[in-house]
């Protein structure tokens, strides 16, 4: 059946039948080996896609967000009801920029460094 169909289903045969076949025909490939190789190829493809497309896009988005948040914070500094919200938004993008190795605005550099260090250590930020 294996030669005729390319596969065989053994329901009532003891395990030594497969071992015997593998000794005679050592290039026996099981479905778990095929799935393992597919998983390796899939993970490799995801890694390549992340490196080539997602990482550069993330860096562009963080840079644009940091610039917009900084401009908004500079504009909102004089507005007491919006100043803290604009500062927190700036800190949010500054932490991401810091984790990517980018420079961050001086106003929030210390706080961004503290939070980024906690993120790297896997500690809760507790904002």
PDB file of N, CA and C in Angstrom:
ATOM      1  N   UNK A   1       0.823  -1.191   0.000  1.00  0.00           N
ATOM      2  CA  UNK A   1       0.000   0.000   0.000  1.00  0.00           C
ATOM      3  C   UNK A   1       0.867   1.255   0.000  1.00  0.00           C
ATOM      4  N   UNK A   2       1.992   1.182   0.685  1.00  0.00           N
ATOM      5  CA  UNK A   2       2.879   2.333   0.721  1.00  0.00           C
ATOM      6  C   UNK A   2       3.424   2.635  -0.669  1.00  0.00           C
ATOM      7  N   UNK A   3       3.833   1.587  -1.370  1.00  0.00           N
ATOM      8  CA  UNK A   3       4.372   1.778  -2.708  1.00  0.00           C
ATOM      9  C   UNK A   3       3.286   2.223  -3.672  1.00  0.00           C
ATOM     10  N   UNK A   4       2.101   1.697  -3.521  1.00  0.00           N
ATOM     11  CA  UNK A   4       1.000   2.014  -4.430  1.00  0.00           C
ATOM     12  C   UNK A   4       0.420   3.406  -4.175  1.00  0.00           C
ATOM     13  N   UNK A   5       0.158   3.760  -2.889  1.00  0.00           N
ATOM     14  CA  UNK A   5      -0.524   5.010  -2.571  1.00  0.00           C
ATOM     15  C   UNK A   5       0.403   6.121  -2.076  1.00  0.00           C
ATOM     16  N   UNK A   6       1.592   5.759  -1.663  1.00  0.00           N
ATOM     17  CA  UNK A   6       2.490   6.753  -1.091  1.00  0.00           C
ATOM     18  C   UNK A   6       2.320   6.904   0.403  1.00  0.00           C
ATOM     19  N   UNK A   7       1.400   6.166   0.996  1.00  0.00           N
ATOM     20  CA  UNK A   7       1.199   6.178   2.436  1.00  0.00           C
ATOM     21  C   UNK A   7       0.578   4.869   2.849  1.00  0.00           C
ATOM     22  N   UNK A   8       0.638   4.591   4.143  1.00  0.00           N
ATOM     23  CA  UNK A   8       0.032   3.382   4.675  1.00  0.00           C
ATOM     24  C   UNK A   8      -0.491   3.693   6.076  1.00  0.00           C
ATOM     25  N   UNK A   9      -1.634   3.129   6.414  1.00  0.00           N
ATOM     26  CA  UNK A   9      -2.211   3.289   7.742  1.00  0.00           C
ATOM     27  C   UNK A   9      -2.171   1.926   8.408  1.00  0.00           C
ATOM     28  N   UNK A  10      -1.498   1.867   9.551  1.00  0.00           N
ATOM     29  CA  UNK A  10      -1.373   0.629  10.288  1.00  0.00           C
ATOM     30  C   UNK A  10      -2.209   0.739  11.559  1.00  0.00           C
ATOM     31  N   UNK A  11      -3.250  -0.044  11.653  1.00  0.00           N
ATOM     32  CA  UNK A  11      -4.093   0.076  12.834  1.00  0.00           C
ATOM     33  C   UNK A  11      -3.821  -1.043  13.837  1.00  0.00           C
ATOM     34  N   UNK A  12      -3.744  -2.278  13.409  1.00  0.00           N
ATOM     35  CA  UNK A  12      -3.600  -3.402  14.326  1.00  0.00           C
ATOM     36  C   UNK A  12      -2.207  -4.006  14.321  1.00  0.00           C
ATOM     37  N   UNK A  13      -1.262  -3.349  13.655  1.00  0.00           N
ATOM     38  CA  UNK A  13       0.080  -3.911  13.577  1.00  0.00           C
ATOM     39  C   UNK A  13       0.912  -3.387  14.733  1.00  0.00           C
ATOM     40  N   UNK A  14       1.770  -4.230  15.276  1.00  0.00           N
ATOM     41  CA  UNK A  14       2.632  -3.764  16.367  1.00  0.00           C
ATOM     42  C   UNK A  14       3.671  -2.762  15.856  1.00  0.00           C
ATOM     43  N   UNK A  15       4.264  -2.017  16.774  1.00  0.00           N
ATOM     44  CA  UNK A  15       5.197  -0.953  16.427  1.00  0.00           C
ATOM     45  C   UNK A  15       6.433  -1.472  15.692  1.00  0.00           C
ATOM     46  N   UNK A  16       6.826  -2.715  15.921  1.00  0.00           N
ATOM     47  CA  UNK A  16       8.041  -3.212  15.268  1.00  0.00           C
ATOM     48  C   UNK A  16       7.886  -3.292  13.758  1.00  0.00           C
ATOM     49  N   UNK A  17       6.661  -3.271  13.241  1.00  0.00           N
ATOM     50  CA  UNK A  17       6.475  -3.283  11.789  1.00  0.00           C
ATOM     51  C   UNK A  17       7.051  -2.024  11.169  1.00  0.00           C
ATOM     52  N   UNK A  18       6.818  -0.889  11.812  1.00  0.00           N
ATOM     53  CA  UNK A  18       7.361   0.368  11.301  1.00  0.00           C
ATOM     54  C   UNK A  18       8.874   0.373  11.461  1.00  0.00           C
ATOM     55  N   UNK A  19       9.360  -0.108  12.594  1.00  0.00           N
ATOM     56  CA  UNK A  19      10.804  -0.163  12.799  1.00  0.00           C
ATOM     57  C   UNK A  19      11.461  -1.049  11.753  1.00  0.00           C
ATOM     58  N   UNK A  20      10.836  -2.159  11.444  1.00  0.00           N
ATOM     59  CA  UNK A  20      11.370  -3.060  10.427  1.00  0.00           C
ATOM     60  C   UNK A  20      11.413  -2.353   9.077  1.00  0.00           C
ATOM     61  N   UNK A  21      10.348  -1.636   8.746  1.00  0.00           N
ATOM     62  CA  UNK A  21      10.302  -0.918   7.477  1.00  0.00           C
ATOM     63  C   UNK A  21      11.385   0.158   7.435  1.00  0.00           C
ATOM     64  N   UNK A  22      11.597   0.858   8.561  1.00  0.00           N
ATOM     65  CA  UNK A  22      12.598   1.915   8.587  1.00  0.00           C
ATOM     66  C   UNK A  22      14.009   1.360   8.433  1.00  0.00           C
ATOM     67  N   UNK A  23      14.243   0.156   8.898  1.00  0.00           N
ATOM     68  CA  UNK A  23      15.557  -0.468   8.725  1.00  0.00           C
ATOM     69  C   UNK A  23      15.770  -0.812   7.258  1.00  0.00           C
ATOM     70  N   UNK A  24      14.740  -1.337   6.607  1.00  0.00           N
ATOM     71  CA  UNK A  24      14.862  -1.703   5.204  1.00  0.00           C
ATOM     72  C   UNK A  24      14.916  -0.475   4.299  1.00  0.00           C
ATOM     73  N   UNK A  25      14.105   0.528   4.589  1.00  0.00           N
ATOM     74  CA  UNK A  25      14.001   1.736   3.763  1.00  0.00           C
ATOM     75  C   UNK A  25      14.264   2.942   4.670  1.00  0.00           C
ATOM     76  N   UNK A  26      15.523   3.319   4.801  1.00  0.00           N
ATOM     77  CA  UNK A  26      15.926   4.303   5.804  1.00  0.00           C
ATOM     78  C   UNK A  26      15.506   5.735   5.492  1.00  0.00           C
ATOM     79  N   UNK A  27      14.973   5.982   4.310  1.00  0.00           N
ATOM     80  CA  UNK A  27      14.536   7.336   3.998  1.00  0.00           C
ATOM     81  C   UNK A  27      13.023   7.500   4.247  1.00  0.00           C
ATOM     82  N   UNK A  28      12.549   6.863   5.274  1.00  0.00           N
ATOM     83  CA  UNK A  28      11.150   6.941   5.679  1.00  0.00           C
ATOM     84  C   UNK A  28      10.900   8.304   6.344  1.00  0.00           C
ATOM     85  N   UNK A  29       9.973   9.096   5.806  1.00  0.00           N
ATOM     86  CA  UNK A  29       9.683  10.430   6.320  1.00  0.00           C
ATOM     87  C   UNK A  29       8.306  10.417   6.957  1.00  0.00           C
ATOM     88  N   UNK A  30       8.240  10.813   8.219  1.00  0.00           N
ATOM     89  CA  UNK A  30       6.966  10.823   8.932  1.00  0.00           C
ATOM     90  C   UNK A  30       6.335  12.213   8.841  1.00  0.00           C
ATOM     91  N   UNK A  31       5.052  12.271   9.134  1.00  0.00           N
ATOM     92  CA  UNK A  31       4.345  13.545   9.049  1.00  0.00           C
ATOM     93  C   UNK A  31       4.874  14.549  10.079  1.00  0.00           C
ATOM     94  N   UNK A  32       5.314  14.080  11.245  1.00  0.00           N
ATOM     95  CA  UNK A  32       5.833  15.025  12.231  1.00  0.00           C
ATOM     96  C   UNK A  32       7.129  15.668  11.749  1.00  0.00           C
ATOM     97  N   UNK A  33       7.932  14.928  10.968  1.00  0.00           N
ATOM     98  CA  UNK A  33       9.151  15.518  10.411  1.00  0.00           C
ATOM     99  C   UNK A  33       8.807  16.595   9.388  1.00  0.00           C
ATOM    100  N   UNK A  34       7.805  16.347   8.567  1.00  0.00           N
ATOM    101  CA  UNK A  34       7.365  17.334   7.571  1.00  0.00           C
ATOM    102  C   UNK A  34       6.816  18.577   8.278  1.00  0.00           C
ATOM    103  N   UNK A  35       5.995  18.367   9.308  1.00  0.00           N
ATOM    104  CA  UNK A  35       5.441  19.499  10.046  1.00  0.00           C
ATOM    105  C   UNK A  35       6.531  20.289  10.764  1.00  0.00           C
ATOM    106  N   UNK A  36       7.535  19.614  11.283  1.00  0.00           N
ATOM    107  CA  UNK A  36       8.641  20.292  11.942  1.00  0.00           C
ATOM    108  C   UNK A  36       9.398  21.173  10.948  1.00  0.00           C
ATOM    109  N   UNK A  37       9.689  20.630   9.782  1.00  0.00           N
ATOM    110  CA  UNK A  37      10.403  21.406   8.761  1.00  0.00           C
ATOM    111  C   UNK A  37       9.554  22.592   8.317  1.00  0.00           C
ATOM    112  N   UNK A  38       8.239  22.375   8.129  1.00  0.00           N
ATOM    113  CA  UNK A  38       7.354  23.476   7.768  1.00  0.00           C
ATOM    114  C   UNK A  38       7.370  24.554   8.843  1.00  0.00           C
ATOM    115  N   UNK A  39       7.343  24.149  10.111  1.00  0.00           N
ATOM    116  CA  UNK A  39       7.396  25.112  11.212  1.00  0.00           C
ATOM    117  C   UNK A  39       8.681  25.920  11.190  1.00  0.00           C
ATOM    118  N   UNK A  40       9.803  25.262  10.921  1.00  0.00           N
ATOM    119  CA  UNK A  40      11.083  25.971  10.834  1.00  0.00           C
ATOM    120  C   UNK A  40      11.076  26.978   9.696  1.00  0.00           C
ATOM    121  N   UNK A  41      10.569  26.563   8.546  1.00  0.00           N
ATOM    122  CA  UNK A  41      10.498  27.477   7.401  1.00  0.00           C
ATOM    123  C   UNK A  41       9.559  28.639   7.677  1.00  0.00           C
ATOM    124  N   UNK A  42       8.432  28.372   8.319  1.00  0.00           N
ATOM    125  CA  UNK A  42       7.462  29.413   8.641  1.00  0.00           C
ATOM    126  C   UNK A  42       8.060  30.433   9.607  1.00  0.00           C
ATOM    127  N   UNK A  43       8.723  29.943  10.667  1.00  0.00           N
ATOM    128  CA  UNK A  43       9.362  30.849  11.623  1.00  0.00           C
ATOM    129  C   UNK A  43      10.454  31.679  10.950  1.00  0.00           C
ATOM    130  N   UNK A  44      11.201  31.042  10.072  1.00  0.00           N
ATOM    131  CA  UNK A  44      12.239  31.782   9.348  1.00  0.00           C
ATOM    132  C   UNK A  44      11.645  32.853   8.458  1.00  0.00           C
ATOM    133  N   UNK A  45      10.537  32.530   7.803  1.00  0.00           N
ATOM    134  CA  UNK A  45       9.859  33.519   6.966  1.00  0.00           C
ATOM    135  C   UNK A  45       9.328  34.680   7.782  1.00  0.00           C
ATOM    136  N   UNK A  46       8.766  34.384   8.951  1.00  0.00           N
ATOM    137  CA  UNK A  46       8.283  35.456   9.831  1.00  0.00           C
ATOM    138  C   UNK A  46       9.434  36.343  10.291  1.00  0.00           C
ATOM    139  N   UNK A  47      10.548  35.711  10.614  1.00  0.00           N
ATOM    140  CA  UNK A  47      11.716  36.477  11.053  1.00  0.00           C
ATOM    141  C   UNK A  47      12.186  37.419   9.939  1.00  0.00           C
ATOM    142  N   UNK A  48      12.276  36.899   8.727  1.00  0.00           N
ATOM    143  CA  UNK A  48      12.709  37.727   7.600  1.00  0.00           C
ATOM    144  C   UNK A  48      11.738  38.872   7.342  1.00  0.00           C
ATOM    145  N   UNK A  49      10.434  38.581   7.406  1.00  0.00           N
ATOM    146  CA  UNK A  49       9.433  39.622   7.167  1.00  0.00           C
ATOM    147  C   UNK A  49       9.512  40.699   8.243  1.00  0.00           C
ATOM    148  N   UNK A  50       9.692  40.281   9.491  1.00  0.00           N
ATOM    149  CA  UNK A  50       9.803  41.254  10.572  1.00  0.00           C
ATOM    150  C   UNK A  50      11.027  42.140  10.381  1.00  0.00           C
ATOM    151  N   UNK A  51      12.145  41.531  10.035  1.00  0.00           N
ATOM    152  CA  UNK A  51      13.385  42.285   9.845  1.00  0.00           C
ATOM    153  C   UNK A  51      13.284  43.243   8.661  1.00  0.00           C
ATOM    154  N   UNK A  52      12.708  42.774   7.557  1.00  0.00           N
ATOM    155  CA  UNK A  52      12.692  43.564   6.334  1.00  0.00           C
ATOM    156  C   UNK A  52      11.563  44.580   6.262  1.00  0.00           C
ATOM    157  N   UNK A  53      10.422  44.299   6.903  1.00  0.00           N
ATOM    158  CA  UNK A  53       9.256  45.165   6.734  1.00  0.00           C
ATOM    159  C   UNK A  53       8.726  45.755   8.045  1.00  0.00           C
ATOM    160  N   UNK A  54       8.489  44.906   9.043  1.00  0.00           N
ATOM    161  CA  UNK A  54       7.856  45.389  10.264  1.00  0.00           C
ATOM    162  C   UNK A  54       8.778  46.283  11.099  1.00  0.00           C
ATOM    163  N   UNK A  55      10.034  45.925  11.239  1.00  0.00           N
ATOM    164  CA  UNK A  55      10.958  46.726  12.049  1.00  0.00           C
ATOM    165  C   UNK A  55      11.151  48.124  11.470  1.00  0.00           C
ATOM    166  N   UNK A  56      11.419  48.261  10.163  1.00  0.00           N
ATOM    167  CA  UNK A  56      11.558  49.626   9.629  1.00  0.00           C
ATOM    168  C   UNK A  56      10.270  50.446   9.748  1.00  0.00           C
ATOM    169  N   UNK A  57       9.133  49.809   9.547  1.00  0.00           N
ATOM    170  CA  UNK A  57       7.862  50.523   9.677  1.00  0.00           C
ATOM    171  C   UNK A  57       7.628  50.950  11.117  1.00  0.00           C
ATOM    172  N   UNK A  58       7.956  50.092  12.059  1.00  0.00           N
ATOM    173  CA  UNK A  58       7.822  50.440  13.473  1.00  0.00           C
ATOM    174  C   UNK A  58       8.707  51.627  13.818  1.00  0.00           C
ATOM    175  N   UNK A  59       9.930  51.630  13.328  1.00  0.00           N
ATOM    176  CA  UNK A  59      10.838  52.745  13.597  1.00  0.00           C
ATOM    177  C   UNK A  59      10.302  54.048  13.011  1.00  0.00           C
ATOM    178  N   UNK A  60       9.739  53.984  11.807  1.00  0.00           N
ATOM    179  CA  UNK A  60       9.158  55.184  11.194  1.00  0.00           C
ATOM    180  C   UNK A  60       7.965  55.689  12.002  1.00  0.00           C
ATOM    181  N   UNK A  61       7.108  54.781  12.437  1.00  0.00           N
ATOM    182  CA  UNK A  61       5.932  55.178  13.209  1.00  0.00           C
ATOM    183  C   UNK A  61       6.314  55.788  14.557  1.00  0.00           C
ATOM    184  N   UNK A  62       7.286  55.191  15.225  1.00  0.00           N
ATOM    185  CA  UNK A  62       7.720  55.721  16.516  1.00  0.00           C
ATOM    186  C   UNK A  62       8.346  57.097  16.334  1.00  0.00           C
ATOM    187  N   UNK A  63       9.162  57.247  15.314  1.00  0.00           N
ATOM    188  CA  UNK A  63       9.795  58.548  15.058  1.00  0.00           C
ATOM    189  C   UNK A  63       8.748  59.623  14.760  1.00  0.00           C
ATOM    190  N   UNK A  64       7.768  59.297  13.923  1.00  0.00           N
ATOM    191  CA  UNK A  64       6.705  60.258  13.599  1.00  0.00           C
ATOM    192  C   UNK A  64       5.847  60.555  14.821  1.00  0.00           C
ATOM    193  N   UNK A  65       5.528  59.519  15.601  1.00  0.00           N
ATOM    194  CA  UNK A  65       4.735  59.719  16.814  1.00  0.00           C
ATOM    195  C   UNK A  65       5.459  60.553  17.840  1.00  0.00           C
ATOM    196  N   UNK A  66       6.759  60.320  17.998  1.00  0.00           N
ATOM    197  CA  UNK A  66       7.550  61.097  18.954  1.00  0.00           C
ATOM    198  C   UNK A  66       7.610  62.564  18.541  1.00  0.00           C
ATOM    199  N   UNK A  67       7.813  62.797  17.266  1.00  0.00           N
ATOM    200  CA  UNK A  67       7.871  64.179  16.783  1.00  0.00           C
ATOM    201  C   UNK A  67       6.531  64.886  16.980  1.00  0.00           C
ATOM    202  N   UNK A  68       5.436  64.218  16.647  1.00  0.00           N
ATOM    203  CA  UNK A  68       4.099  64.815  16.816  1.00  0.00           C
ATOM    204  C   UNK A  68       3.785  65.039  18.291  1.00  0.00           C
ATOM    205  N   UNK A  69       4.138  64.071  19.141  1.00  0.00           N
ATOM    206  CA  UNK A  69       3.871  64.211  20.573  1.00  0.00           C
ATOM    207  C   UNK A  69       4.696  65.342  21.174  1.00  0.00           C
ATOM    208  N   UNK A  70       5.926  65.507  20.713  1.00  0.00           N
ATOM    209  CA  UNK A  70       6.767  66.595  21.213  1.00  0.00           C
ATOM    210  C   UNK A  70       6.199  67.945  20.802  1.00  0.00           C
ATOM    211  N   UNK A  71       5.771  68.067  19.559  1.00  0.00           N
ATOM    212  CA  UNK A  71       5.153  69.318  19.104  1.00  0.00           C
ATOM    213  C   UNK A  71       3.878  69.613  19.887  1.00  0.00           C
ATOM    214  N   UNK A  72       3.078  68.583  20.133  1.00  0.00           N
ATOM    215  CA  UNK A  72       1.846  68.770  20.892  1.00  0.00           C
ATOM    216  C   UNK A  72       2.152  69.183  22.322  1.00  0.00           C
ATOM    217  N   UNK A  73       3.172  68.575  22.927  1.00  0.00           N
ATOM    218  CA  UNK A  73       3.534  68.929  24.303  1.00  0.00           C
ATOM    219  C   UNK A  73       4.016  70.372  24.371  1.00  0.00           C
ATOM    220  N   UNK A  74       4.843  70.781  23.413  1.00  0.00           N
ATOM    221  CA  UNK A  74       5.322  72.168  23.414  1.00  0.00           C
ATOM    222  C   UNK A  74       4.149  73.140  23.284  1.00  0.00           C
ATOM    223  N   UNK A  75       3.149  72.784  22.512  1.00  0.00           N
ATOM    224  CA  UNK A  75       1.971  73.633  22.329  1.00  0.00           C
ATOM    225  C   UNK A  75       1.089  73.640  23.576  1.00  0.00           C
ATOM    226  N   UNK A  76       0.962  72.495  24.258  1.00  0.00           N
ATOM    227  CA  UNK A  76       0.037  72.346  25.390  1.00  0.00           C
ATOM    228  C   UNK A  76       0.663  72.683  26.750  1.00  0.00           C
ATOM    229  N   UNK A  77       1.939  72.998  26.799  1.00  0.00           N
ATOM    230  CA  UNK A  77       2.595  73.276  28.087  1.00  0.00           C
ATOM    231  C   UNK A  77       1.923  74.393  28.870  1.00  0.00           C
ATOM    232  N   UNK A  78       1.370  75.342  28.167  1.00  0.00           N
ATOM    233  CA  UNK A  78       0.740  76.484  28.847  1.00  0.00           C
ATOM    234  C   UNK A  78      -0.713  76.206  29.234  1.00  0.00           C
ATOM    235  N   UNK A  79      -1.261  75.084  28.776  1.00  0.00           N
ATOM    236  CA  UNK A  79      -2.656  74.753  29.079  1.00  0.00           C
ATOM    237  C   UNK A  79      -2.679  73.755  30.241  1.00  0.00           C
ATOM    238  N   UNK A  80      -3.041  74.235  31.410  1.00  0.00           N
ATOM    239  CA  UNK A  80      -2.950  73.403  32.612  1.00  0.00           C
ATOM    240  C   UNK A  80      -3.831  72.155  32.546  1.00  0.00           C
ATOM    241  N   UNK A  81      -4.956  72.217  31.848  1.00  0.00           N
ATOM    242  CA  UNK A  81      -5.837  71.050  31.789  1.00  0.00           C
ATOM    243  C   UNK A  81      -5.360  69.984  30.792  1.00  0.00           C
ATOM    244  N   UNK A  82      -4.470  70.324  29.880  1.00  0.00           N
ATOM    245  CA  UNK A  82      -4.000  69.359  28.875  1.00  0.00           C
ATOM    246  C   UNK A  82      -2.501  69.075  28.959  1.00  0.00           C
ATOM    247  N   UNK A  83      -1.799  69.813  29.783  1.00  0.00           N
ATOM    248  CA  UNK A  83      -0.339  69.671  29.868  1.00  0.00           C
ATOM    249  C   UNK A  83       0.074  68.249  30.272  1.00  0.00           C
ATOM    250  N   UNK A  84      -0.559  67.694  31.311  1.00  0.00           N
ATOM    251  CA  UNK A  84      -0.168  66.369  31.799  1.00  0.00           C
ATOM    252  C   UNK A  84      -0.486  65.277  30.775  1.00  0.00           C
ATOM    253  N   UNK A  85      -1.618  65.391  30.112  1.00  0.00           N
ATOM    254  CA  UNK A  85      -1.970  64.392  29.085  1.00  0.00           C
ATOM    255  C   UNK A  85      -0.974  64.442  27.927  1.00  0.00           C
ATOM    256  N   UNK A  86      -0.582  65.628  27.517  1.00  0.00           N
ATOM    257  CA  UNK A  86       0.394  65.767  26.432  1.00  0.00           C
ATOM    258  C   UNK A  86       1.760  65.245  26.867  1.00  0.00           C
ATOM    259  N   UNK A  87       2.132  65.471  28.133  1.00  0.00           N
ATOM    260  CA  UNK A  87       3.411  64.971  28.634  1.00  0.00           C
ATOM    261  C   UNK A  87       3.424  63.449  28.682  1.00  0.00           C
ATOM    262  N   UNK A  88       2.330  62.840  29.131  1.00  0.00           N
ATOM    263  CA  UNK A  88       2.251  61.371  29.174  1.00  0.00           C
ATOM    264  C   UNK A  88       2.313  60.768  27.770  1.00  0.00           C
ATOM    265  N   UNK A  89       1.679  61.434  26.830  1.00  0.00           N
ATOM    266  CA  UNK A  89       1.743  60.972  25.445  1.00  0.00           C
ATOM    267  C   UNK A  89       3.185  61.039  24.939  1.00  0.00           C
ATOM    268  N   UNK A  90       3.891  62.097  25.287  1.00  0.00           N
ATOM    269  CA  UNK A  90       5.289  62.222  24.904  1.00  0.00           C
ATOM    270  C   UNK A  90       6.141  61.138  25.559  1.00  0.00           C
ATOM    271  N   UNK A  91       5.869  60.845  26.824  1.00  0.00           N
ATOM    272  CA  UNK A  91       6.597  59.780  27.519  1.00  0.00           C
ATOM    273  C   UNK A  91       6.356  58.438  26.829  1.00  0.00           C
ATOM    274  N   UNK A  92       5.124  58.184  26.427  1.00  0.00           N
ATOM    275  CA  UNK A  92       4.780  56.927  25.746  1.00  0.00           C
ATOM    276  C   UNK A  92       5.671  56.715  24.523  1.00  0.00           C
ATOM    277  N   UNK A  93       5.757  57.730  23.666  1.00  0.00           N
ATOM    278  CA  UNK A  93       6.578  57.590  22.460  1.00  0.00           C
ATOM    279  C   UNK A  93       8.070  57.642  22.789  1.00  0.00           C
ATOM    280  N   UNK A  94       8.435  58.363  23.839  1.00  0.00           N
ATOM    281  CA  UNK A  94       9.844  58.430  24.231  1.00  0.00           C
ATOM    282  C   UNK A  94      10.353  57.077  24.721  1.00  0.00           C
ATOM    283  N   UNK A  95       9.513  56.332  25.426  1.00  0.00           N
ATOM    284  CA  UNK A  95       9.906  54.994  25.878  1.00  0.00           C
ATOM    285  C   UNK A  95      10.147  54.093  24.667  1.00  0.00           C
ATOM    286  N   UNK A  96       9.230  54.130  23.704  1.00  0.00           N
ATOM    287  CA  UNK A  96       9.406  53.318  22.498  1.00  0.00           C
ATOM    288  C   UNK A  96      10.675  53.726  21.753  1.00  0.00           C
ATOM    289  N   UNK A  97      10.905  55.029  21.638  1.00  0.00           N
ATOM    290  CA  UNK A  97      12.110  55.505  20.959  1.00  0.00           C
ATOM    291  C   UNK A  97      13.368  55.067  21.712  1.00  0.00           C
ATOM    292  N   UNK A  98      13.325  55.146  23.013  1.00  0.00           N
ATOM    293  CA  UNK A  98      14.478  54.734  23.831  1.00  0.00           C
ATOM    294  C   UNK A  98      14.762  53.244  23.646  1.00  0.00           C
ATOM    295  N   UNK A  99      13.701  52.431  23.618  1.00  0.00           N
ATOM    296  CA  UNK A  99      13.887  50.991  23.412  1.00  0.00           C
ATOM    297  C   UNK A  99      14.464  50.683  22.030  1.00  0.00           C
ATOM    298  N   UNK A 100      14.213  51.571  21.076  1.00  0.00           N
ATOM    299  CA  UNK A 100      14.778  51.405  19.728  1.00  0.00           C
ATOM    300  C   UNK A 100      16.153  52.051  19.593  1.00  0.00           C
ATOM    301  N   UNK A 101      16.655  52.646  20.688  1.00  0.00           N
ATOM    302  CA  UNK A 101      17.980  53.257  20.662  1.00  0.00           C
ATOM    303  C   UNK A 101      18.004  54.654  20.081  1.00  0.00           C
ATOM    304  N   UNK A 102      16.879  55.335  20.081  1.00  0.00           N
ATOM    305  CA  UNK A 102      16.790  56.691  19.534  1.00  0.00           C
ATOM    306  C   UNK A 102      16.925  57.732  20.650  1.00  0.00           C
ATOM    307  N   UNK A 103      17.228  58.950  20.256  1.00  0.00           N
ATOM    308  CA  UNK A 103      17.265  60.055  21.219  1.00  0.00           C
ATOM    309  C   UNK A 103      15.845  60.455  21.574  1.00  0.00           C
ATOM    310  N   UNK A 104      15.686  60.937  22.808  1.00  0.00           N
ATOM    311  CA  UNK A 104      14.372  61.374  23.278  1.00  0.00           C
ATOM    312  C   UNK A 104      14.478  62.804  23.787  1.00  0.00           C
ATOM    313  N   UNK A 105      13.371  63.531  23.829  1.00  0.00           N
ATOM    314  CA  UNK A 105      13.409  64.914  24.315  1.00  0.00           C
ATOM    315  C   UNK A 105      13.892  64.991  25.766  1.00  0.00           C
ATOM    316  N   UNK A 106      14.620  66.029  26.060  1.00  0.00           N
ATOM    317  CA  UNK A 106      15.226  66.209  27.368  1.00  0.00           C
ATOM    318  C   UNK A 106      14.196  66.253  28.491  1.00  0.00           C
ATOM    319  N   UNK A 107      13.010  66.830  28.207  1.00  0.00           N
ATOM    320  CA  UNK A 107      11.988  67.009  29.240  1.00  0.00           C
ATOM    321  C   UNK A 107      11.541  65.686  29.860  1.00  0.00           C
ATOM    322  N   UNK A 108      11.571  64.608  29.082  1.00  0.00           N
ATOM    323  CA  UNK A 108      11.062  63.319  29.568  1.00  0.00           C
ATOM    324  C   UNK A 108      12.118  62.218  29.516  1.00  0.00           C
ATOM    325  N   UNK A 109      13.370  62.581  29.293  1.00  0.00           N
ATOM    326  CA  UNK A 109      14.432  61.579  29.103  1.00  0.00           C
ATOM    327  C   UNK A 109      14.611  60.689  30.327  1.00  0.00           C
ATOM    328  N   UNK A 110      14.620  61.277  31.517  1.00  0.00           N
ATOM    329  CA  UNK A 110      14.850  60.483  32.736  1.00  0.00           C
ATOM    330  C   UNK A 110      13.702  59.504  32.968  1.00  0.00           C
ATOM    331  N   UNK A 111      12.477  59.973  32.802  1.00  0.00           N
ATOM    332  CA  UNK A 111      11.323  59.092  33.010  1.00  0.00           C
ATOM    333  C   UNK A 111      11.272  57.997  31.946  1.00  0.00           C
ATOM    334  N   UNK A 112      11.571  58.355  30.707  1.00  0.00           N
ATOM    335  CA  UNK A 112      11.581  57.361  29.628  1.00  0.00           C
ATOM    336  C   UNK A 112      12.659  56.308  29.874  1.00  0.00           C
ATOM    337  N   UNK A 113      13.810  56.739  30.360  1.00  0.00           N
ATOM    338  CA  UNK A 113      14.891  55.787  30.660  1.00  0.00           C
ATOM    339  C   UNK A 113      14.476  54.835  31.774  1.00  0.00           C
ATOM    340  N   UNK A 114      13.850  55.376  32.832  1.00  0.00           N
ATOM    341  CA  UNK A 114      13.410  54.542  33.959  1.00  0.00           C
ATOM    342  C   UNK A 114      12.398  53.495  33.504  1.00  0.00           C
ATOM    343  N   UNK A 115      11.421  53.912  32.712  1.00  0.00           N
ATOM    344  CA  UNK A 115      10.389  52.976  32.242  1.00  0.00           C
ATOM    345  C   UNK A 115      10.982  51.968  31.270  1.00  0.00           C
ATOM    346  N   UNK A 116      11.836  52.423  30.358  1.00  0.00           N
ATOM    347  CA  UNK A 116      12.459  51.506  29.392  1.00  0.00           C
ATOM    348  C   UNK A 116      13.310  50.457  30.096  1.00  0.00           C
ATOM    349  N   UNK A 117      14.003  50.856  31.148  1.00  0.00           N
ATOM    350  CA  UNK A 117      14.803  49.890  31.911  1.00  0.00           C
ATOM    351  C   UNK A 117      13.903  48.845  32.567  1.00  0.00           C
ATOM    352  N   UNK A 118      12.763  49.278  33.086  1.00  0.00           N
ATOM    353  CA  UNK A 118      11.819  48.321  33.672  1.00  0.00           C
ATOM    354  C   UNK A 118      11.277  47.369  32.610  1.00  0.00           C
ATOM    355  N   UNK A 119      10.987  47.890  31.438  1.00  0.00           N
ATOM    356  CA  UNK A 119      10.483  47.046  30.349  1.00  0.00           C
ATOM    357  C   UNK A 119      11.530  45.999  29.979  1.00  0.00           C
ATOM    358  N   UNK A 120      12.765  46.405  29.863  1.00  0.00           N
ATOM    359  CA  UNK A 120      13.838  45.464  29.516  1.00  0.00           C
ATOM    360  C   UNK A 120      14.002  44.364  30.564  1.00  0.00           C
ATOM    361  N   UNK A 121      13.791  44.725  31.840  1.00  0.00           N
ATOM    362  CA  UNK A 121      13.907  43.741  32.915  1.00  0.00           C
ATOM    363  C   UNK A 121      12.632  42.920  33.082  1.00  0.00           C
ATOM    364  N   UNK A 122      11.555  43.301  32.395  1.00  0.00           N
ATOM    365  CA  UNK A 122      10.298  42.576  32.512  1.00  0.00           C
ATOM    366  C   UNK A 122       9.521  42.911  33.761  1.00  0.00           C
ATOM    367  N   UNK A 123       9.782  44.053  34.338  1.00  0.00           N
ATOM    368  CA  UNK A 123       9.095  44.483  35.544  1.00  0.00           C
ATOM    369  C   UNK A 123       7.843  45.281  35.182  1.00  0.00           C
ATOM    370  N   UNK A 124       6.827  45.285  36.048  1.00  0.00           N
ATOM    371  CA  UNK A 124       5.657  46.118  35.781  1.00  0.00           C
ATOM    372  C   UNK A 124       6.027  47.600  35.856  1.00  0.00           C
ATOM    373  N   UNK A 125       5.460  48.370  34.958  1.00  0.00           N
ATOM    374  CA  UNK A 125       5.799  49.783  34.880  1.00  0.00           C
ATOM    375  C   UNK A 125       5.046  50.561  35.948  1.00  0.00           C
ATOM    376  N   UNK A 126       3.759  50.292  36.134  1.00  0.00           N
ATOM    377  CA  UNK A 126       2.975  50.951  37.164  1.00  0.00           C
ATOM    378  C   UNK A 126       2.893  52.440  37.003  1.00  0.00           C
ATOM    379  N   UNK A 127       2.517  52.882  35.831  1.00  0.00           N
ATOM    380  CA  UNK A 127       2.464  54.316  35.554  1.00  0.00           C
ATOM    381  C   UNK A 127       1.446  54.987  36.382  1.00  0.00           C
TER     382      UNK A 127
END
